Amino acid sequence: MFLVYENCGRQRIRVYTCILFLLVVGALAAGVGGRKLGEKGAGILTSSCLIISLSWSVLIFYEIILSFSTTHIKL
Protein backbone atom coordinates (compact mmCIF):
# COMPACT_ATOMS: atom_id res chain seq x y z
CA MET A 1 0.00 0.00 0.00
CA PHE A 2 2.69 2.49 0.95
CA LEU A 3 5.71 1.05 -0.81
CA VAL A 4 4.57 -0.53 -4.03
CA TYR A 5 2.01 -0.32 -6.76
CA GLU A 6 0.49 -3.33 -8.42
CA ASN A 7 2.82 -3.45 -11.44
CA CYS A 8 6.10 -2.72 -9.64
CA GLY A 9 7.22 -6.23 -8.64
CA ARG A 10 10.93 -5.53 -9.05
CA GLN A 11 10.74 -2.47 -6.84
CA ARG A 12 9.18 -4.55 -4.07
CA ILE A 13 12.03 -7.06 -4.18
CA ARG A 14 14.58 -4.23 -4.16
CA VAL A 15 13.07 -2.79 -0.97
CA TYR A 16 13.11 -6.19 0.72
CA THR A 17 16.74 -6.85 -0.13
CA CYS A 18 17.72 -3.28 0.67
CA ILE A 19 16.51 -3.79 4.24
CA LEU A 20 18.89 -6.71 4.67
CA PHE A 21 21.90 -5.18 2.96
CA LEU A 22 21.53 -1.76 4.60
CA LEU A 23 22.36 -3.29 7.97
CA VAL A 24 25.34 -5.17 6.56
CA VAL A 25 26.69 -2.11 4.76
CA GLY A 26 26.35 0.02 7.89
CA ALA A 27 28.14 -2.54 10.03
CA LEU A 28 30.94 -3.04 7.51
CA ALA A 29 31.42 0.70 7.00
CA ALA A 30 31.60 1.27 10.74
CA GLY A 31 33.91 -1.71 11.24
CA VAL A 32 36.30 -0.96 8.39
CA GLY A 33 36.19 2.84 8.48
CA GLY A 34 35.60 3.20 12.18
CA ARG A 35 38.89 4.95 12.85
CA LYS A 36 38.32 7.52 10.12
CA LEU A 37 34.71 8.10 11.13
CA GLY A 38 35.46 8.25 14.82
CA GLU A 39 33.46 6.71 17.61
CA LYS A 40 30.60 9.17 17.31
CA GLY A 41 30.48 8.99 13.50
CA ALA A 42 30.40 5.19 13.50
CA GLY A 43 27.61 5.25 16.05
CA ILE A 44 25.59 7.72 14.01
CA LEU A 45 26.12 5.68 10.83
CA THR A 46 25.06 2.37 12.32
CA SER A 47 22.13 3.91 14.19
CA SER A 48 20.83 5.68 11.09
CA CYS A 49 21.06 2.47 9.02
CA LEU A 50 19.20 0.64 11.78
CA ILE A 51 16.45 3.27 11.98
CA ILE A 52 15.95 3.33 8.20
CA SER A 53 15.77 -0.47 8.12
CA LEU A 54 13.32 -0.51 11.01
CA SER A 55 11.01 2.04 9.39
CA TRP A 56 10.95 0.11 6.10
CA SER A 57 10.30 -3.11 8.01
CA VAL A 58 7.32 -1.56 9.78
CA LEU A 59 5.87 -0.40 6.45
CA ILE A 60 6.33 -3.85 4.93
CA PHE A 61 4.75 -5.43 8.01
CA TYR A 62 1.73 -3.20 7.57
CA GLU A 63 1.52 -3.98 3.87
CA ILE A 64 1.76 -7.77 4.22
CA ILE A 65 0.18 -8.61 7.57
CA LEU A 66 -2.36 -5.90 8.27
CA SER A 67 -3.47 -5.32 4.66
CA PHE A 68 -3.62 -9.07 3.91
CA SER A 69 -1.40 -8.75 0.84
CA THR A 70 0.32 -11.86 -0.45
CA THR A 71 3.96 -11.65 -1.43
CA HIS A 72 6.04 -14.11 -3.44
CA ILE A 73 9.78 -13.64 -3.85
CA LYS A 74 11.74 -15.92 -6.18
CA LEU A 75 15.23 -16.51 -4.86
PDB file of N, CA and C in Angstrom:
ATOM      1  N   MET A   1       0.825  -1.185   0.000  1.00  0.00           N
ATOM      2  CA  MET A   1       0.000   0.000   0.000  1.00  0.00           C
ATOM      3  C   MET A   1       0.875   1.257   0.000  1.00  0.00           C
ATOM      4  N   PHE A   2       1.822   1.330   0.903  1.00  0.00           N
ATOM      5  CA  PHE A   2       2.694   2.486   0.951  1.00  0.00           C
ATOM      6  C   PHE A   2       3.869   2.376  -0.015  1.00  0.00           C
ATOM      7  N   LEU A   3       4.443   1.187  -0.125  1.00  0.00           N
ATOM      8  CA  LEU A   3       5.714   1.047  -0.805  1.00  0.00           C
ATOM      9  C   LEU A   3       5.599   0.720  -2.277  1.00  0.00           C
ATOM     10  N   VAL A   4       4.605  -0.021  -2.661  1.00  0.00           N
ATOM     11  CA  VAL A   4       4.575  -0.527  -4.027  1.00  0.00           C
ATOM     12  C   VAL A   4       3.218  -0.292  -4.662  1.00  0.00           C
ATOM     13  N   TYR A   5       3.231  -0.310  -5.970  1.00  0.00           N
ATOM     14  CA  TYR A   5       2.011  -0.321  -6.757  1.00  0.00           C
ATOM     15  C   TYR A   5       1.870  -1.708  -7.355  1.00  0.00           C
ATOM     16  N   GLU A   6       0.769  -1.984  -7.959  1.00  0.00           N
ATOM     17  CA  GLU A   6       0.486  -3.334  -8.419  1.00  0.00           C
ATOM     18  C   GLU A   6       1.465  -3.828  -9.484  1.00  0.00           C
ATOM     19  N   ASN A   7       1.938  -2.984 -10.372  1.00  0.00           N
ATOM     20  CA  ASN A   7       2.815  -3.454 -11.436  1.00  0.00           C
ATOM     21  C   ASN A   7       4.286  -3.140 -11.171  1.00  0.00           C
ATOM     22  N   CYS A   8       4.695  -3.009  -9.960  1.00  0.00           N
ATOM     23  CA  CYS A   8       6.098  -2.725  -9.638  1.00  0.00           C
ATOM     24  C   CYS A   8       6.675  -3.874  -8.817  1.00  0.00           C
ATOM     25  N   GLY A   9       6.713  -5.068  -9.371  1.00  0.00           N
ATOM     26  CA  GLY A   9       7.216  -6.233  -8.641  1.00  0.00           C
ATOM     27  C   GLY A   9       8.693  -6.156  -8.343  1.00  0.00           C
ATOM     28  N   ARG A  10       9.484  -5.632  -9.276  1.00  0.00           N
ATOM     29  CA  ARG A  10      10.925  -5.534  -9.053  1.00  0.00           C
ATOM     30  C   ARG A  10      11.253  -4.523  -7.970  1.00  0.00           C
ATOM     31  N   GLN A  11      10.499  -3.467  -7.869  1.00  0.00           N
ATOM     32  CA  GLN A  11      10.737  -2.468  -6.837  1.00  0.00           C
ATOM     33  C   GLN A  11      10.480  -3.056  -5.455  1.00  0.00           C
ATOM     34  N   ARG A  12       9.485  -3.908  -5.339  1.00  0.00           N
ATOM     35  CA  ARG A  12       9.183  -4.545  -4.067  1.00  0.00           C
ATOM     36  C   ARG A  12      10.343  -5.419  -3.616  1.00  0.00           C
ATOM     37  N   ILE A  13      10.906  -6.191  -4.521  1.00  0.00           N
ATOM     38  CA  ILE A  13      12.029  -7.058  -4.180  1.00  0.00           C
ATOM     39  C   ILE A  13      13.248  -6.222  -3.812  1.00  0.00           C
ATOM     40  N   ARG A  14      13.464  -5.104  -4.481  1.00  0.00           N
ATOM     41  CA  ARG A  14      14.582  -4.230  -4.156  1.00  0.00           C
ATOM     42  C   ARG A  14      14.464  -3.675  -2.746  1.00  0.00           C
ATOM     43  N   VAL A  15      13.264  -3.314  -2.322  1.00  0.00           N
ATOM     44  CA  VAL A  15      13.073  -2.791  -0.974  1.00  0.00           C
ATOM     45  C   VAL A  15      13.342  -3.884   0.056  1.00  0.00           C
ATOM     46  N   TYR A  16      12.885  -5.097  -0.209  1.00  0.00           N
ATOM     47  CA  TYR A  16      13.110  -6.194   0.724  1.00  0.00           C
ATOM     48  C   TYR A  16      14.587  -6.504   0.885  1.00  0.00           C
ATOM     49  N   THR A  17      15.314  -6.562  -0.222  1.00  0.00           N
ATOM     50  CA  THR A  17      16.743  -6.850  -0.126  1.00  0.00           C
ATOM     51  C   THR A  17      17.527  -5.658   0.411  1.00  0.00           C
ATOM     52  N   CYS A  18      17.045  -4.465   0.157  1.00  0.00           N
ATOM     53  CA  CYS A  18      17.724  -3.276   0.673  1.00  0.00           C
ATOM     54  C   CYS A  18      17.676  -3.241   2.201  1.00  0.00           C
ATOM     55  N   ILE A  19      16.605  -3.734   2.779  1.00  0.00           N
ATOM     56  CA  ILE A  19      16.509  -3.789   4.236  1.00  0.00           C
ATOM     57  C   ILE A  19      17.619  -4.666   4.805  1.00  0.00           C
ATOM     58  N   LEU A  20      17.853  -5.800   4.183  1.00  0.00           N
ATOM     59  CA  LEU A  20      18.887  -6.707   4.671  1.00  0.00           C
ATOM     60  C   LEU A  20      20.290  -6.149   4.472  1.00  0.00           C
ATOM     61  N   PHE A  21      20.551  -5.627   3.274  1.00  0.00           N
ATOM     62  CA  PHE A  21      21.897  -5.178   2.964  1.00  0.00           C
ATOM     63  C   PHE A  21      22.251  -3.833   3.591  1.00  0.00           C
ATOM     64  N   LEU A  22      21.253  -3.038   3.954  1.00  0.00           N
ATOM     65  CA  LEU A  22      21.531  -1.764   4.601  1.00  0.00           C
ATOM     66  C   LEU A  22      22.189  -1.985   5.960  1.00  0.00           C
ATOM     67  N   LEU A  23      21.742  -2.979   6.683  1.00  0.00           N
ATOM     68  CA  LEU A  23      22.358  -3.290   7.971  1.00  0.00           C
ATOM     69  C   LEU A  23      23.790  -3.791   7.809  1.00  0.00           C
ATOM     70  N   VAL A  24      24.002  -4.632   6.801  1.00  0.00           N
ATOM     71  CA  VAL A  24      25.342  -5.174   6.559  1.00  0.00           C
ATOM     72  C   VAL A  24      26.301  -4.075   6.118  1.00  0.00           C
ATOM     73  N   VAL A  25      25.838  -3.205   5.236  1.00  0.00           N
ATOM     74  CA  VAL A  25      26.692  -2.111   4.763  1.00  0.00           C
ATOM     75  C   VAL A  25      27.040  -1.159   5.907  1.00  0.00           C
ATOM     76  N   GLY A  26      26.082  -0.855   6.749  1.00  0.00           N
ATOM     77  CA  GLY A  26      26.349   0.019   7.892  1.00  0.00           C
ATOM     78  C   GLY A  26      27.342  -0.589   8.861  1.00  0.00           C
ATOM     79  N   ALA A  27      27.213  -1.876   9.113  1.00  0.00           N
ATOM     80  CA  ALA A  27      28.136  -2.542  10.031  1.00  0.00           C
ATOM     81  C   ALA A  27      29.544  -2.635   9.436  1.00  0.00           C
ATOM     82  N   LEU A  28      29.626  -2.952   8.148  1.00  0.00           N
ATOM     83  CA  LEU A  28      30.941  -3.036   7.512  1.00  0.00           C
ATOM     84  C   LEU A  28      31.609  -1.668   7.414  1.00  0.00           C
ATOM     85  N   ALA A  29      30.846  -0.647   7.093  1.00  0.00           N
ATOM     86  CA  ALA A  29      31.422   0.696   7.002  1.00  0.00           C
ATOM     87  C   ALA A  29      31.914   1.175   8.363  1.00  0.00           C
ATOM     88  N   ALA A  30      31.161   0.872   9.408  1.00  0.00           N
ATOM     89  CA  ALA A  30      31.597   1.270  10.744  1.00  0.00           C
ATOM     90  C   ALA A  30      32.773   0.423  11.219  1.00  0.00           C
ATOM     91  N   GLY A  31      32.803  -0.843  10.819  1.00  0.00           N
ATOM     92  CA  GLY A  31      33.909  -1.705  11.236  1.00  0.00           C
ATOM     93  C   GLY A  31      35.191  -1.407  10.503  1.00  0.00           C
ATOM     94  N   VAL A  32      35.100  -1.206   9.194  1.00  0.00           N
ATOM     95  CA  VAL A  32      36.302  -0.963   8.391  1.00  0.00           C
ATOM     96  C   VAL A  32      36.754   0.494   8.518  1.00  0.00           C
ATOM     97  N   GLY A  33      35.828   1.422   8.426  1.00  0.00           N
ATOM     98  CA  GLY A  33      36.189   2.837   8.481  1.00  0.00           C
ATOM     99  C   GLY A  33      35.922   3.480   9.818  1.00  0.00           C
ATOM    100  N   GLY A  34      35.910   2.680  10.857  1.00  0.00           N
ATOM    101  CA  GLY A  34      35.597   3.203  12.184  1.00  0.00           C
ATOM    102  C   GLY A  34      36.603   4.202  12.702  1.00  0.00           C
ATOM    103  N   ARG A  35      37.862   4.010  12.380  1.00  0.00           N
ATOM    104  CA  ARG A  35      38.888   4.951  12.848  1.00  0.00           C
ATOM    105  C   ARG A  35      38.775   6.288  12.143  1.00  0.00           C
ATOM    106  N   LYS A  36      38.460   6.260  10.865  1.00  0.00           N
ATOM    107  CA  LYS A  36      38.318   7.521  10.120  1.00  0.00           C
ATOM    108  C   LYS A  36      37.037   8.254  10.495  1.00  0.00           C
ATOM    109  N   LEU A  37      35.978   7.486  10.748  1.00  0.00           N
ATOM    110  CA  LEU A  37      34.706   8.100  11.125  1.00  0.00           C
ATOM    111  C   LEU A  37      34.717   8.589  12.564  1.00  0.00           C
ATOM    112  N   GLY A  38      35.466   7.937  13.392  1.00  0.00           N
ATOM    113  CA  GLY A  38      35.456   8.245  14.818  1.00  0.00           C
ATOM    114  C   GLY A  38      34.372   7.458  15.525  1.00  0.00           C
ATOM    115  N   GLU A  39      34.437   7.489  16.826  1.00  0.00           N
ATOM    116  CA  GLU A  39      33.465   6.712  17.612  1.00  0.00           C
ATOM    117  C   GLU A  39      32.048   7.255  17.434  1.00  0.00           C
ATOM    118  N   LYS A  40      31.927   8.566  17.455  1.00  0.00           N
ATOM    119  CA  LYS A  40      30.600   9.170  17.315  1.00  0.00           C
ATOM    120  C   LYS A  40      30.064   8.995  15.894  1.00  0.00           C
ATOM    121  N   GLY A  41      30.910   9.148  14.885  1.00  0.00           N
ATOM    122  CA  GLY A  41      30.480   8.992  13.501  1.00  0.00           C
ATOM    123  C   GLY A  41      30.037   7.574  13.185  1.00  0.00           C
ATOM    124  N   ALA A  42      30.783   6.587  13.713  1.00  0.00           N
ATOM    125  CA  ALA A  42      30.400   5.188  13.498  1.00  0.00           C
ATOM    126  C   ALA A  42      29.076   4.879  14.185  1.00  0.00           C
ATOM    127  N   GLY A  43      28.880   5.449  15.348  1.00  0.00           N
ATOM    128  CA  GLY A  43      27.612   5.248  16.050  1.00  0.00           C
ATOM    129  C   GLY A  43      26.442   5.868  15.321  1.00  0.00           C
ATOM    130  N   ILE A  44      26.653   7.055  14.770  1.00  0.00           N
ATOM    131  CA  ILE A  44      25.593   7.718  14.010  1.00  0.00           C
ATOM    132  C   ILE A  44      25.284   6.941  12.737  1.00  0.00           C
ATOM    133  N   LEU A  45      26.320   6.445  12.059  1.00  0.00           N
ATOM    134  CA  LEU A  45      26.123   5.682  10.825  1.00  0.00           C
ATOM    135  C   LEU A  45      25.344   4.402  11.075  1.00  0.00           C
ATOM    136  N   THR A  46      25.754   3.631  12.060  1.00  0.00           N
ATOM    137  CA  THR A  46      25.064   2.370  12.316  1.00  0.00           C
ATOM    138  C   THR A  46      23.643   2.608  12.846  1.00  0.00           C
ATOM    139  N   SER A  47      23.475   3.620  13.667  1.00  0.00           N
ATOM    140  CA  SER A  47      22.132   3.911  14.186  1.00  0.00           C
ATOM    141  C   SER A  47      21.196   4.388  13.087  1.00  0.00           C
ATOM    142  N   SER A  48      21.703   5.209  12.171  1.00  0.00           N
ATOM    143  CA  SER A  48      20.834   5.678  11.089  1.00  0.00           C
ATOM    144  C   SER A  48      20.465   4.541  10.141  1.00  0.00           C
ATOM    145  N   CYS A  49      21.396   3.639   9.855  1.00  0.00           N
ATOM    146  CA  CYS A  49      21.060   2.473   9.024  1.00  0.00           C
ATOM    147  C   CYS A  49      20.023   1.592   9.720  1.00  0.00           C
ATOM    148  N   LEU A  50      20.152   1.446  11.016  1.00  0.00           N
ATOM    149  CA  LEU A  50      19.199   0.638  11.775  1.00  0.00           C
ATOM    150  C   LEU A  50      17.815   1.279  11.793  1.00  0.00           C
ATOM    151  N   ILE A  51      17.744   2.579  11.941  1.00  0.00           N
ATOM    152  CA  ILE A  51      16.452   3.270  11.983  1.00  0.00           C
ATOM    153  C   ILE A  51      15.767   3.232  10.624  1.00  0.00           C
ATOM    154  N   ILE A  52      16.533   3.413   9.543  1.00  0.00           N
ATOM    155  CA  ILE A  52      15.948   3.328   8.195  1.00  0.00           C
ATOM    156  C   ILE A  52      15.423   1.922   7.934  1.00  0.00           C
ATOM    157  N   SER A  53      16.197   0.915   8.308  1.00  0.00           N
ATOM    158  CA  SER A  53      15.773  -0.467   8.116  1.00  0.00           C
ATOM    159  C   SER A  53      14.534  -0.786   8.954  1.00  0.00           C
ATOM    160  N   LEU A  54      14.484  -0.281  10.154  1.00  0.00           N
ATOM    161  CA  LEU A  54      13.319  -0.508  11.015  1.00  0.00           C
ATOM    162  C   LEU A  54      12.069   0.138  10.439  1.00  0.00           C
ATOM    163  N   SER A  55      12.194   1.364   9.935  1.00  0.00           N
ATOM    164  CA  SER A  55      11.014   2.038   9.387  1.00  0.00           C
ATOM    165  C   SER A  55      10.496   1.328   8.141  1.00  0.00           C
ATOM    166  N   TRP A  56      11.387   0.867   7.264  1.00  0.00           N
ATOM    167  CA  TRP A  56      10.951   0.112   6.096  1.00  0.00           C
ATOM    168  C   TRP A  56      10.331  -1.219   6.501  1.00  0.00           C
ATOM    169  N   SER A  57      10.863  -1.843   7.545  1.00  0.00           N
ATOM    170  CA  SER A  57      10.300  -3.113   8.015  1.00  0.00           C
ATOM    171  C   SER A  57       8.891  -2.930   8.561  1.00  0.00           C
ATOM    172  N   VAL A  58       8.666  -1.836   9.248  1.00  0.00           N
ATOM    173  CA  VAL A  58       7.322  -1.560   9.775  1.00  0.00           C
ATOM    174  C   VAL A  58       6.338  -1.335   8.634  1.00  0.00           C
ATOM    175  N   LEU A  59       6.752  -0.621   7.597  1.00  0.00           N
ATOM    176  CA  LEU A  59       5.867  -0.400   6.454  1.00  0.00           C
ATOM    177  C   LEU A  59       5.563  -1.702   5.720  1.00  0.00           C
ATOM    178  N   ILE A  60       6.550  -2.550   5.580  1.00  0.00           N
ATOM    179  CA  ILE A  60       6.333  -3.846   4.929  1.00  0.00           C
ATOM    180  C   ILE A  60       5.450  -4.736   5.791  1.00  0.00           C
ATOM    181  N   PHE A  61       5.624  -4.677   7.107  1.00  0.00           N
ATOM    182  CA  PHE A  61       4.753  -5.427   8.008  1.00  0.00           C
ATOM    183  C   PHE A  61       3.300  -4.986   7.842  1.00  0.00           C
ATOM    184  N   TYR A  62       3.082  -3.691   7.760  1.00  0.00           N
ATOM    185  CA  TYR A  62       1.730  -3.195   7.567  1.00  0.00           C
ATOM    186  C   TYR A  62       1.160  -3.656   6.227  1.00  0.00           C
ATOM    187  N   GLU A  63       1.993  -3.605   5.199  1.00  0.00           N
ATOM    188  CA  GLU A  63       1.523  -3.980   3.865  1.00  0.00           C
ATOM    189  C   GLU A  63       1.162  -5.459   3.784  1.00  0.00           C
ATOM    190  N   ILE A  64       1.965  -6.321   4.367  1.00  0.00           N
ATOM    191  CA  ILE A  64       1.762  -7.766   4.220  1.00  0.00           C
ATOM    192  C   ILE A  64       0.774  -8.306   5.253  1.00  0.00           C
ATOM    193  N   ILE A  65       0.986  -8.005   6.507  1.00  0.00           N
ATOM    194  CA  ILE A  65       0.182  -8.609   7.571  1.00  0.00           C
ATOM    195  C   ILE A  65      -1.154  -7.900   7.755  1.00  0.00           C
ATOM    196  N   LEU A  66      -1.132  -6.607   7.928  1.00  0.00           N
ATOM    197  CA  LEU A  66      -2.361  -5.899   8.266  1.00  0.00           C
ATOM    198  C   LEU A  66      -3.253  -5.619   7.058  1.00  0.00           C
ATOM    199  N   SER A  67      -2.663  -5.552   5.865  1.00  0.00           N
ATOM    200  CA  SER A  67      -3.467  -5.322   4.657  1.00  0.00           C
ATOM    201  C   SER A  67      -3.790  -6.622   3.931  1.00  0.00           C
ATOM    202  N   PHE A  68      -3.359  -7.746   4.470  1.00  0.00           N
ATOM    203  CA  PHE A  68      -3.619  -9.074   3.908  1.00  0.00           C
ATOM    204  C   PHE A  68      -3.160  -9.182   2.461  1.00  0.00           C
ATOM    205  N   SER A  69      -1.973  -8.692   2.172  1.00  0.00           N
ATOM    206  CA  SER A  69      -1.397  -8.753   0.840  1.00  0.00           C
ATOM    207  C   SER A  69      -0.462  -9.945   0.765  1.00  0.00           C
ATOM    208  N   THR A  70      -0.581 -10.725  -0.289  1.00  0.00           N
ATOM    209  CA  THR A  70       0.321 -11.862  -0.448  1.00  0.00           C
ATOM    210  C   THR A  70       1.563 -11.430  -1.200  1.00  0.00           C
ATOM    211  N   THR A  71       2.685 -12.012  -0.830  1.00  0.00           N
ATOM    212  CA  THR A  71       3.962 -11.651  -1.435  1.00  0.00           C
ATOM    213  C   THR A  71       4.722 -12.906  -1.776  1.00  0.00           C
ATOM    214  N   HIS A  72       5.223 -12.986  -2.995  1.00  0.00           N
ATOM    215  CA  HIS A  72       6.040 -14.110  -3.444  1.00  0.00           C
ATOM    216  C   HIS A  72       7.358 -13.548  -3.948  1.00  0.00           C
ATOM    217  N   ILE A  73       8.466 -14.070  -3.419  1.00  0.00           N
ATOM    218  CA  ILE A  73       9.783 -13.640  -3.847  1.00  0.00           C
ATOM    219  C   ILE A  73      10.525 -14.871  -4.355  1.00  0.00           C
ATOM    220  N   LYS A  74      10.953 -14.832  -5.608  1.00  0.00           N
ATOM    221  CA  LYS A  74      11.738 -15.925  -6.177  1.00  0.00           C
ATOM    222  C   LYS A  74      13.200 -15.686  -5.853  1.00  0.00           C
ATOM    223  N   LEU A  75      13.821 -16.656  -5.219  1.00  0.00           N
ATOM    224  CA  LEU A  75      15.225 -16.509  -4.864  1.00  0.00           C
ATOM    225  C   LEU A  75      16.113 -17.160  -5.886  1.00  0.00           C
TER     226      LEU A  75
END
